[in-house]
C-alpha atoms as a PDB file:
ATOM      1  CA  MET A   1      50.419  -6.661 -13.923  1.00  0.00           C
ATOM      2  CA  ASP A   2      47.217  -5.235 -12.564  1.00  0.00           C
ATOM      3  CA  ASN A   3      44.431  -7.811 -12.727  1.00  0.00           C
ATOM      4  CA  LYS A   4      41.090  -6.710 -11.356  1.00  0.00           C
ATOM      5  CA  SER A   5      38.396  -9.212 -10.694  1.00  0.00           C
ATOM      6  CA  THR A   6      35.666  -6.597 -10.831  1.00  0.00           C
ATOM      7  CA  ASN A   7      35.079  -3.588 -12.977  1.00  0.00           C
ATOM      8  CA  GLY A   8      33.793  -0.255 -11.716  1.00  0.00           C
ATOM      9  CA  THR A   9      30.445   0.057 -10.044  1.00  0.00           C
ATOM     10  CA  GLY A  10      27.695  -1.262 -12.261  1.00  0.00           C
ATOM     11  CA  THR A  11      24.118  -0.058 -12.360  1.00  0.00           C
ATOM     12  CA  SER A  12      22.768  -3.361 -11.051  1.00  0.00           C
ATOM     13  CA  SER A  13      24.921  -3.418  -7.939  1.00  0.00           C
ATOM     14  CA  CYS A  14      24.490  -1.284  -4.907  1.00  0.00           C
ATOM     15  CA  GLY A  15      26.288  -0.580  -1.698  1.00  0.00           C
ATOM     16  CA  TRP A  16      25.089  -0.628   1.870  1.00  0.00           C
ATOM     17  CA  ALA A  17      24.337   3.108   1.826  1.00  0.00           C
ATOM     18  CA  ASP A  18      22.154   2.823  -1.286  1.00  0.00           C
ATOM     19  CA  LEU A  19      20.313  -0.353  -0.341  1.00  0.00           C
ATOM     20  CA  GLU A  20      16.963   1.262   0.582  1.00  0.00           C
ATOM     21  CA  ALA A  21      16.762   3.320  -2.616  1.00  0.00           C
ATOM     22  CA  TRP A  22      17.838   0.325  -4.703  1.00  0.00           C
ATOM     23  CA  VAL A  23      15.130  -1.903  -3.188  1.00  0.00           C
ATOM     24  CA  ARG A  24      12.450   0.753  -3.725  1.00  0.00           C
ATOM     25  CA  ARG A  25      13.488   1.197  -7.377  1.00  0.00           C
ATOM     26  CA  HIS A  26      13.272  -2.546  -7.985  1.00  0.00           C
ATOM     27  CA  VAL A  27       9.922  -2.842  -6.206  1.00  0.00           C
ATOM     28  CA  GLN A  28       8.621   0.065  -8.302  1.00  0.00           C
ATOM     29  CA  ARG A  29       9.798  -1.591 -11.549  1.00  0.00           C
ATOM     30  CA  PHE A  30       8.308  -4.922 -10.481  1.00  0.00           C
ATOM     31  CA  ILE A  31       4.873  -3.452  -9.677  1.00  0.00           C
ATOM     32  CA  GLN A  32       4.914  -1.379 -12.882  1.00  0.00           C
ATOM     33  CA  GLY A  33       5.647  -4.593 -14.802  1.00  0.00           C
ATOM     34  CA  LEU A  34       2.744  -6.342 -13.074  1.00  0.00           C
ATOM     35  CA  LEU A  35       0.446  -3.489 -14.151  1.00  0.00           C
ATOM     36  CA  GLU A  36       1.655  -3.881 -17.752  1.00  0.00           C
ATOM     37  CA  ASP A  37       1.066  -7.651 -17.574  1.00  0.00           C
ATOM     38  CA  GLU A  38      -2.452  -7.059 -16.248  1.00  0.00           C
ATOM     39  CA  VAL A  39      -3.283  -4.876 -19.263  1.00  0.00           C
ATOM     40  CA  SER A  40      -1.678  -7.383 -21.645  1.00  0.00           C
ATOM     41  CA  GLY A  41      -3.877 -10.101 -20.145  1.00  0.00           C
ATOM     42  CA  LEU A  42      -6.977  -7.942 -20.543  1.00  0.00           C
ATOM     43  CA  LEU A  43      -6.243  -7.080 -24.171  1.00  0.00           C
ATOM     44  CA  GLY A  44      -4.876 -10.506 -25.097  1.00  0.00           C
ATOM     45  CA  ARG A  45      -1.671  -9.094 -26.574  1.00  0.00           C
ATOM     46  CA  GLY A  46       1.603  -7.484 -25.565  1.00  0.00           C
ATOM     47  CA  LYS A  47       2.424  -3.807 -25.465  1.00  0.00           C
ATOM     48  CA  HIS A  48       3.424  -3.268 -29.116  1.00  0.00           C
ATOM     49  CA  GLU A  49       1.467  -6.094 -30.707  1.00  0.00           C
ATOM     50  CA  ARG A  50      -1.432  -5.671 -33.092  1.00  0.00           C
ATOM     51  CA  ARG A  51      -4.701  -7.550 -32.820  1.00  0.00           C
ATOM     52  CA  ALA A  52      -4.232 -10.960 -34.385  1.00  0.00           C
ATOM     53  CA  ALA A  53      -7.741 -11.362 -35.803  1.00  0.00           C
ATOM     54  CA  VAL A  54     -10.861  -9.371 -36.462  1.00  0.00           C
ATOM     55  CA  ASP A  55     -12.697 -11.057 -33.584  1.00  0.00           C
ATOM     56  CA  ALA A  56      -9.812 -10.509 -31.118  1.00  0.00           C
ATOM     57  CA  PRO A  57     -10.643  -8.650 -27.894  1.00  0.00           C
ATOM     58  CA  ALA A  58     -11.306  -4.963 -28.484  1.00  0.00           C
ATOM     59  CA  GLY A  59      -9.437  -2.187 -26.788  1.00  0.00           C
ATOM     60  CA  TYR A  60      -6.100  -0.510 -26.989  1.00  0.00           C
ATOM     61  CA  ARG A  61      -3.534   1.077 -24.730  1.00  0.00           C
ATOM     62  CA  ASN A  62      -3.726   4.829 -24.379  1.00  0.00           C
ATOM     63  CA  GLY A  63      -0.684   5.957 -22.441  1.00  0.00           C
ATOM     64  CA  TYR A  64      -0.559   6.315 -18.682  1.00  0.00           C
ATOM     65  CA  GLY A  65      -2.380   8.169 -15.966  1.00  0.00           C
ATOM     66  CA  LYS A  66      -0.724  10.733 -13.748  1.00  0.00           C
ATOM     67  CA  PRO A  67       2.035   9.418 -11.493  1.00  0.00           C
ATOM     68  CA  ARG A  68       0.747   8.431  -8.085  1.00  0.00           C
ATOM     69  CA  LYS A  69       2.413   7.294  -4.919  1.00  0.00           C
ATOM     70  CA  LEU A  70       1.746   3.981  -3.255  1.00  0.00           C
ATOM     71  CA  THR A  71       2.979   3.465   0.280  1.00  0.00           C
ATOM     72  CA  LEU A  72       4.141  -0.065   1.011  1.00  0.00           C
ATOM     73  CA  SER A  73       5.739  -1.408   4.161  1.00  0.00           C
ATOM     74  CA  CYS A  74       9.114  -1.242   2.362  1.00  0.00           C
ATOM     75  CA  GLY A  75       8.621   2.408   1.424  1.00  0.00           C
ATOM     76  CA  THR A  76       6.795   4.652  -0.992  1.00  0.00           C
ATOM     77  CA  VAL A  77       6.997   4.089  -4.744  1.00  0.00           C
ATOM     78  CA  GLU A  78       5.656   6.142  -7.635  1.00  0.00           C
ATOM     79  CA  LEU A  79       3.565   4.298 -10.224  1.00  0.00           C
ATOM     80  CA  ARG A  80       1.712   5.180 -13.411  1.00  0.00           C
ATOM     81  CA  ARG A  81      -1.433   3.201 -14.178  1.00  0.00           C
ATOM     82  CA  PRO A  82      -1.735   2.194 -17.842  1.00  0.00           C
ATOM     83  CA  ARG A  83      -4.844   3.571 -19.523  1.00  0.00           C
ATOM     84  CA  VAL A  84      -7.030   1.388 -21.726  1.00  0.00           C
ATOM     85  CA  ARG A  85      -9.586   2.669 -24.262  1.00  0.00           C
ATOM     86  CA  GLY A  86     -12.082   1.000 -26.550  1.00  0.00           C
ATOM     87  CA  ILE A  87     -13.485  -1.549 -24.118  1.00  0.00           C
ATOM     88  CA  GLU A  88     -17.048  -1.790 -22.881  1.00  0.00           C
ATOM     89  CA  ALA A  89     -16.399  -1.379 -19.155  1.00  0.00           C
ATOM     90  CA  ARG A  90     -13.911   0.912 -17.480  1.00  0.00           C
ATOM     91  CA  PHE A  91     -10.558  -0.732 -16.829  1.00  0.00           C
ATOM     92  CA  GLU A  92     -10.026  -1.142 -13.108  1.00  0.00           C
ATOM     93  CA  SER A  93      -6.796  -2.701 -12.009  1.00  0.00           C
ATOM     94  CA  ARG A  94      -7.062  -5.471  -9.435  1.00  0.00           C
ATOM     95  CA  LEU A  95      -3.480  -4.788  -8.429  1.00  0.00           C
ATOM     96  CA  LEU A  96      -3.792  -1.023  -7.963  1.00  0.00           C
ATOM     97  CA  PRO A  97      -7.414   0.027  -7.374  1.00  0.00           C
ATOM     98  CA  LEU A  98      -8.472   3.620  -7.819  1.00  0.00           C
ATOM     99  CA  PHE A  99      -7.843   5.991  -4.903  1.00  0.00           C
ATOM    100  CA  VAL A 100      -5.769   3.502  -2.900  1.00  0.00           C
ATOM    101  CA  LYS A 101      -2.644   5.158  -1.540  1.00  0.00           C
ATOM    102  CA  ARG A 102      -1.317   2.576   0.897  1.00  0.00           C
ATOM    103  CA  THR A 103      -1.365  -1.165   1.379  1.00  0.00           C
ATOM    104  CA  LYS A 104      -3.451  -2.967   3.961  1.00  0.00           C
ATOM    105  CA  GLN A 105      -0.367  -3.634   6.106  1.00  0.00           C
ATOM    106  CA  VAL A 106       0.491   0.081   6.320  1.00  0.00           C
ATOM    107  CA  SER A 107      -3.137   0.919   7.120  1.00  0.00           C
ATOM    108  CA  GLU A 108      -3.085  -1.619   9.953  1.00  0.00           C
ATOM    109  CA  LEU A 109       0.183  -0.201  11.262  1.00  0.00           C
ATOM    110  CA  LEU A 110      -1.204   3.322  11.750  1.00  0.00           C
ATOM    111  CA  PRO A 111      -3.724   2.627  14.551  1.00  0.00           C
ATOM    112  CA  GLU A 112      -1.150   0.491  16.336  1.00  0.00           C
ATOM    113  CA  LEU A 113       1.346   3.345  16.329  1.00  0.00           C
ATOM    114  CA  TYR A 114      -1.336   5.715  17.595  1.00  0.00           C
ATOM    115  CA  LEU A 115      -2.405   3.323  20.353  1.00  0.00           C
ATOM    116  CA  HIS A 116       1.212   2.949  21.443  1.00  0.00           C
ATOM    117  CA  GLY A 117       1.437   6.684  22.021  1.00  0.00           C
ATOM    118  CA  LEU A 118       2.750   8.234  18.804  1.00  0.00           C
ATOM    119  CA  ALA A 119       1.343  11.770  18.719  1.00  0.00           C
ATOM    120  CA  LEU A 120      -0.536  13.047  15.672  1.00  0.00           C
ATOM    121  CA  GLY A 121       2.145  15.605  14.906  1.00  0.00           C
ATOM    122  CA  ASP A 122       4.892  12.986  15.074  1.00  0.00           C
ATOM    123  CA  PHE A 123       3.380  10.621  12.498  1.00  0.00           C
ATOM    124  CA  GLU A 124       4.655  12.490   9.462  1.00  0.00           C
ATOM    125  CA  LEU A 125       8.233  12.636  10.713  1.00  0.00           C
ATOM    126  CA  ALA A 126       8.276   9.033  11.963  1.00  0.00           C
ATOM    127  CA  LEU A 127       6.718   7.590   8.820  1.00  0.00           C
ATOM    128  CA  ARG A 128       8.896   9.687   6.542  1.00  0.00           C
ATOM    129  CA  GLY A 129      11.882   7.994   8.158  1.00  0.00           C
ATOM    130  CA  LEU A 130      10.350   4.515   7.793  1.00  0.00           C
ATOM    131  CA  LEU A 131       8.498   4.751   4.490  1.00  0.00           C
ATOM    132  CA  GLY A 132      10.505   7.375   2.600  1.00  0.00           C
ATOM    133  CA  ASP A 133      10.016  11.036   1.778  1.00  0.00           C
ATOM    134  CA  GLY A 134       7.076  10.343  -0.523  1.00  0.00           C
ATOM    135  CA  ALA A 135       4.826   8.803   2.131  1.00  0.00           C
ATOM    136  CA  ALA A 136       1.453  10.486   1.787  1.00  0.00           C
ATOM    137  CA  LEU A 137       0.617  10.428   5.483  1.00  0.00           C
ATOM    138  CA  SER A 138       0.305  13.890   6.928  1.00  0.00           C
ATOM    139  CA  ALA A 139      -1.035  14.960  10.301  1.00  0.00           C
ATOM    140  CA  SER A 140      -4.413  15.749   8.702  1.00  0.00           C
ATOM    141  CA  THR A 141      -4.580  12.232   7.234  1.00  0.00           C
ATOM    142  CA  ILE A 142      -3.910  10.754  10.664  1.00  0.00           C
ATOM    143  CA  ALA A 143      -6.531  13.080  12.217  1.00  0.00           C
ATOM    144  CA  ARG A 144      -9.114  11.827   9.682  1.00  0.00           C
ATOM    145  CA  LEU A 145      -8.161   8.239  10.454  1.00  0.00           C
ATOM    146  CA  LYS A 146      -8.413   8.932  14.195  1.00  0.00           C
ATOM    147  CA  GLN A 147     -11.933  10.297  13.688  1.00  0.00           C
ATOM    148  CA  LYS A 148     -12.830   7.124  11.745  1.00  0.00           C
ATOM    149  CA  TRP A 149     -11.365   4.920  14.495  1.00  0.00           C
ATOM    150  CA  GLN A 150     -13.354   6.860  17.098  1.00  0.00           C
ATOM    151  CA  GLY A 151     -16.557   6.175  15.156  1.00  0.00           C
ATOM    152  CA  GLU A 152     -15.695   2.482  14.910  1.00  0.00           C
ATOM    153  CA  TYR A 153     -15.026   2.354  18.658  1.00  0.00           C
ATOM    154  CA  GLU A 154     -18.354   4.029  19.460  1.00  0.00           C
ATOM    155  CA  ALA A 155     -20.208   1.576  17.205  1.00  0.00           C
ATOM    156  CA  TRP A 156     -18.371  -1.310  18.869  1.00  0.00           C
ATOM    157  CA  SER A 157     -19.124  -0.102  22.401  1.00  0.00           C
ATOM    158  CA  CYS A 158     -22.843   0.399  21.638  1.00  0.00           C
ATOM    159  CA  ARG A 159     -23.408  -3.035  20.100  1.00  0.00           C
ATOM    160  CA  CYS A 160     -26.077  -5.294  21.562  1.00  0.00           C
ATOM    161  CA  LEU A 161     -24.790  -8.206  23.628  1.00  0.00           C
ATOM    162  CA  ASP A 162     -28.175  -9.860  24.298  1.00  0.00           C
ATOM    163  CA  GLU A 163     -27.473 -12.644  21.793  1.00  0.00           C
ATOM    164  CA  ILE A 164     -24.097 -13.512  23.334  1.00  0.00           C
ATOM    165  CA  GLU A 165     -23.950 -16.124  26.060  1.00  0.00           C
ATOM    166  CA  PRO A 166     -20.815 -15.684  28.155  1.00  0.00           C
ATOM    167  CA  VAL A 167     -18.800 -18.805  28.820  1.00  0.00           C
ATOM    168  CA  TYR A 168     -17.230 -17.562  32.035  1.00  0.00           C
ATOM    169  CA  LEU A 169     -17.190 -14.505  34.209  1.00  0.00           C
ATOM    170  CA  TRP A 170     -14.003 -12.997  35.548  1.00  0.00           C
ATOM    171  CA  VAL A 171     -14.305 -10.958  38.707  1.00  0.00           C
ATOM    172  CA  ASP A 172     -11.308  -9.209  40.129  1.00  0.00           C
ATOM    173  CA  GLY A 173     -11.785  -7.573  43.433  1.00  0.00           C
ATOM    174  CA  CYS A 174     -10.844  -7.421  47.005  1.00  0.00           C
ATOM    175  CA  SER A 175     -13.134  -8.484  49.806  1.00  0.00           C
ATOM    176  CA  LYS A 176     -12.665  -7.323  53.327  1.00  0.00           C
ATOM    177  CA  GLY A 177     -13.961  -9.592  55.987  1.00  0.00           C
ATOM    178  CA  THR A 178     -16.477  -8.020  58.352  1.00  0.00           C
ATOM    179  CA  ALA A 179     -16.858  -9.736  61.659  1.00  0.00           C
END
């Protein structure tokens, strides 16, 4: 008698080799669900529900925008922002603002990698390995960021220090005795 405690591979389970892709798929579904919930909260009703009363909040769902990639520290996922019509102001998601392609944590990681010696040409290859093939971080993107960082450094180095009162002074030097 052949008793098996498990059936064949199910869609919800994954193996060690597929773990990264499985996590990214679930993160993508989770964020997409949060976007749907945000629109439901704005409209005051679920996805396929009609307005309950005449004075209910105006507006209706109107499909989705073009797919766009969002780079997270766990990888890059593709999302589609729900579109909303018939409301007074333009719908702007708090979860996924317009023109944002990466999270704050990924943006903070980039200058650190550069400061630790990762060359501009190596960013794309290194980040593709860490964040997935869809990471929208090319050498030109890093060059633009480097130019921005340079501007921030120049502004920082030219700031006025007249208002600051130093607490202590550190002097490191060598004195040779002259006799």
